Amino acid sequence: DENEKFEPTVFRDTIVQGLNEAGNDLEAIAKFLDAAGSRLDYRRYADTLFDILVAGSMLAPGGTRIDDNDKTKMTNHCVFFADEDHDAIRNYAQVSKG
């Protein structure tokens, strides 16, 4: 809908809150993302969702995070904070494809 506001920060806050509430359980994270997909417009906010799942928050042009170190606007449940081994990265990739 053309009249609908584009509010990526509201989207970010909703996704980050859900990821943080899911804790370290990748299955709970996948379930949250699946359930949220029916309420949130993932297509409209695809770039923001990708930023969160990879970097933990929204990214500005140039790649810096837009969170001002506010823990409510960032999550550690992302690829950048995953253990640096093949299995951990693969598990995050599978959640993202969910």
C-alpha atoms as a PDB file:
ATOM      1  CA  ASP A   1       0.000   0.000   0.000  1.00  0.00           C
ATOM      2  CA  GLU A   2       1.500   3.324  -1.073  1.00  0.00           C
ATOM      3  CA  ASN A   3      -0.065   5.141   1.891  1.00  0.00           C
ATOM      4  CA  GLU A   4       1.608   2.848   4.433  1.00  0.00           C
ATOM      5  CA  LYS A   5       4.531   4.458   6.288  1.00  0.00           C
ATOM      6  CA  PHE A   6       7.990   2.999   5.847  1.00  0.00           C
ATOM      7  CA  GLU A   7       9.275   2.522   9.393  1.00  0.00           C
ATOM      8  CA  PRO A   8      12.416   0.378   9.412  1.00  0.00           C
ATOM      9  CA  THR A   9      13.331   1.369  12.983  1.00  0.00           C
ATOM     10  CA  VAL A  10      10.000   0.064  14.309  1.00  0.00           C
ATOM     11  CA  PHE A  11      10.564  -3.142  12.327  1.00  0.00           C
ATOM     12  CA  ARG A  12      14.121  -3.396  13.719  1.00  0.00           C
ATOM     13  CA  ASP A  13      12.937  -2.926  17.294  1.00  0.00           C
ATOM     14  CA  THR A  14      10.301  -5.654  16.904  1.00  0.00           C
ATOM     15  CA  ILE A  15      12.727  -8.162  15.368  1.00  0.00           C
ATOM     16  CA  VAL A  16      15.529  -7.419  17.830  1.00  0.00           C
ATOM     17  CA  GLN A  17      13.194  -7.750  20.808  1.00  0.00           C
ATOM     18  CA  GLY A  18      11.950 -11.123  19.558  1.00  0.00           C
ATOM     19  CA  LEU A  19      15.461 -12.402  18.881  1.00  0.00           C
ATOM     20  CA  ASN A  20      16.675 -11.305  22.299  1.00  0.00           C
ATOM     21  CA  GLU A  21      13.684 -12.894  24.025  1.00  0.00           C
ATOM     22  CA  ALA A  22      14.356 -16.181  22.195  1.00  0.00           C
ATOM     23  CA  GLY A  23      17.745 -16.393  23.879  1.00  0.00           C
ATOM     24  CA  ASN A  24      20.487 -18.626  22.537  1.00  0.00           C
ATOM     25  CA  ASP A  25      18.070 -21.250  21.219  1.00  0.00           C
ATOM     26  CA  LEU A  26      18.275 -21.186  17.404  1.00  0.00           C
ATOM     27  CA  GLU A  27      15.089 -23.243  17.176  1.00  0.00           C
ATOM     28  CA  ALA A  28      13.226 -20.615  19.240  1.00  0.00           C
ATOM     29  CA  ILE A  29      14.695 -17.899  17.007  1.00  0.00           C
ATOM     30  CA  ALA A  30      13.509 -19.747  13.889  1.00  0.00           C
ATOM     31  CA  LYS A  31      10.021 -20.161  15.383  1.00  0.00           C
ATOM     32  CA  PHE A  32       9.884 -16.450  16.265  1.00  0.00           C
ATOM     33  CA  LEU A  33      10.935 -15.426  12.737  1.00  0.00           C
ATOM     34  CA  ASP A  34       8.398 -17.806  11.209  1.00  0.00           C
ATOM     35  CA  ALA A  35       5.560 -16.491  13.401  1.00  0.00           C
ATOM     36  CA  ALA A  36       6.586 -12.862  12.911  1.00  0.00           C
ATOM     37  CA  GLY A  37       6.580 -13.350   9.146  1.00  0.00           C
ATOM     38  CA  SER A  38       2.786 -13.490   9.169  1.00  0.00           C
ATOM     39  CA  ARG A  39       2.569 -10.117  10.970  1.00  0.00           C
ATOM     40  CA  LEU A  40       5.552  -8.218   9.602  1.00  0.00           C
ATOM     41  CA  ASP A  41       6.266  -7.301   6.005  1.00  0.00           C
ATOM     42  CA  TYR A  42       9.583  -9.082   5.401  1.00  0.00           C
ATOM     43  CA  ARG A  43       9.599  -8.057   1.732  1.00  0.00           C
ATOM     44  CA  ARG A  44       9.216  -4.383   2.526  1.00  0.00           C
ATOM     45  CA  TYR A  45      11.956  -4.519   5.168  1.00  0.00           C
ATOM     46  CA  ALA A  46      14.213  -7.144   3.553  1.00  0.00           C
ATOM     47  CA  ASP A  47      17.352  -4.992   3.799  1.00  0.00           C
ATOM     48  CA  THR A  48      16.708  -4.246   7.464  1.00  0.00           C
ATOM     49  CA  LEU A  49      16.022  -7.930   8.227  1.00  0.00           C
ATOM     50  CA  PHE A  50      19.219  -8.953   6.443  1.00  0.00           C
ATOM     51  CA  ASP A  51      21.232  -6.345   8.397  1.00  0.00           C
ATOM     52  CA  ILE A  52      19.841  -7.648  11.700  1.00  0.00           C
ATOM     53  CA  LEU A  53      20.401 -11.333  10.926  1.00  0.00           C
ATOM     54  CA  VAL A  54      23.971 -10.713   9.743  1.00  0.00           C
ATOM     55  CA  ALA A  55      25.232  -7.723  11.762  1.00  0.00           C
ATOM     56  CA  GLY A  56      22.831  -7.550  14.721  1.00  0.00           C
ATOM     57  CA  SER A  57      21.278  -4.166  13.914  1.00  0.00           C
ATOM     58  CA  MET A  58      20.488  -1.810  11.048  1.00  0.00           C
ATOM     59  CA  LEU A  59      23.443  -0.641   8.991  1.00  0.00           C
ATOM     60  CA  ALA A  60      24.078   2.815   7.600  1.00  0.00           C
ATOM     61  CA  PRO A  61      25.602   3.287   4.148  1.00  0.00           C
ATOM     62  CA  GLY A  62      29.236   2.330   4.546  1.00  0.00           C
ATOM     63  CA  GLY A  63      28.460  -0.491   6.952  1.00  0.00           C
ATOM     64  CA  THR A  64      28.375   1.169  10.373  1.00  0.00           C
ATOM     65  CA  ARG A  65      25.664   0.006  12.750  1.00  0.00           C
ATOM     66  CA  ILE A  66      22.804   2.373  13.605  1.00  0.00           C
ATOM     67  CA  ASP A  67      22.190   1.488  17.228  1.00  0.00           C
ATOM     68  CA  ASP A  68      24.265   3.955  19.285  1.00  0.00           C
ATOM     69  CA  ASN A  69      25.242   0.983  21.489  1.00  0.00           C
ATOM     70  CA  ASP A  70      21.645   0.844  22.746  1.00  0.00           C
ATOM     71  CA  LYS A  71      21.176  -2.825  23.685  1.00  0.00           C
ATOM     72  CA  THR A  72      17.434  -2.626  22.896  1.00  0.00           C
ATOM     73  CA  LYS A  73      18.301  -1.845  19.264  1.00  0.00           C
ATOM     74  CA  MET A  74      20.813  -4.641  18.716  1.00  0.00           C
ATOM     75  CA  THR A  75      21.095  -8.379  19.141  1.00  0.00           C
ATOM     76  CA  ASN A  76      23.977 -10.775  19.544  1.00  0.00           C
ATOM     77  CA  HIS A  77      21.931 -13.476  17.795  1.00  0.00           C
ATOM     78  CA  CYS A  78      23.441 -12.867  14.370  1.00  0.00           C
ATOM     79  CA  VAL A  79      26.216 -14.137  12.115  1.00  0.00           C
ATOM     80  CA  PHE A  80      28.743 -11.513  13.312  1.00  0.00           C
ATOM     81  CA  PHE A  81      28.485 -12.781  16.896  1.00  0.00           C
ATOM     82  CA  ALA A  82      28.332 -16.505  16.057  1.00  0.00           C
ATOM     83  CA  ASP A  83      31.202 -18.795  16.959  1.00  0.00           C
ATOM     84  CA  GLU A  84      33.792 -18.782  14.212  1.00  0.00           C
ATOM     85  CA  ASP A  85      33.316 -22.312  12.997  1.00  0.00           C
ATOM     86  CA  HIS A  86      31.580 -23.859  10.015  1.00  0.00           C
ATOM     87  CA  ASP A  87      28.747 -25.521  11.960  1.00  0.00           C
ATOM     88  CA  ALA A  88      27.780 -22.359  13.862  1.00  0.00           C
ATOM     89  CA  ILE A  89      27.667 -20.249  10.704  1.00  0.00           C
ATOM     90  CA  ARG A  90      25.726 -22.955   8.861  1.00  0.00           C
ATOM     91  CA  ASN A  91      23.158 -23.065  11.689  1.00  0.00           C
ATOM     92  CA  TYR A  92      22.624 -19.292  11.442  1.00  0.00           C
ATOM     93  CA  ALA A  93      22.307 -19.560   7.676  1.00  0.00           C
ATOM     94  CA  GLN A  94      19.644 -22.244   8.057  1.00  0.00           C
ATOM     95  CA  VAL A  95      17.681 -20.038  10.472  1.00  0.00           C
ATOM     96  CA  SER A  96      17.881 -17.151   7.999  1.00  0.00           C
ATOM     97  CA  LYS A  97      16.566 -19.318   5.157  1.00  0.00           C
ATOM     98  CA  GLY A  98      13.780 -20.634   7.408  1.00  0.00           C
END
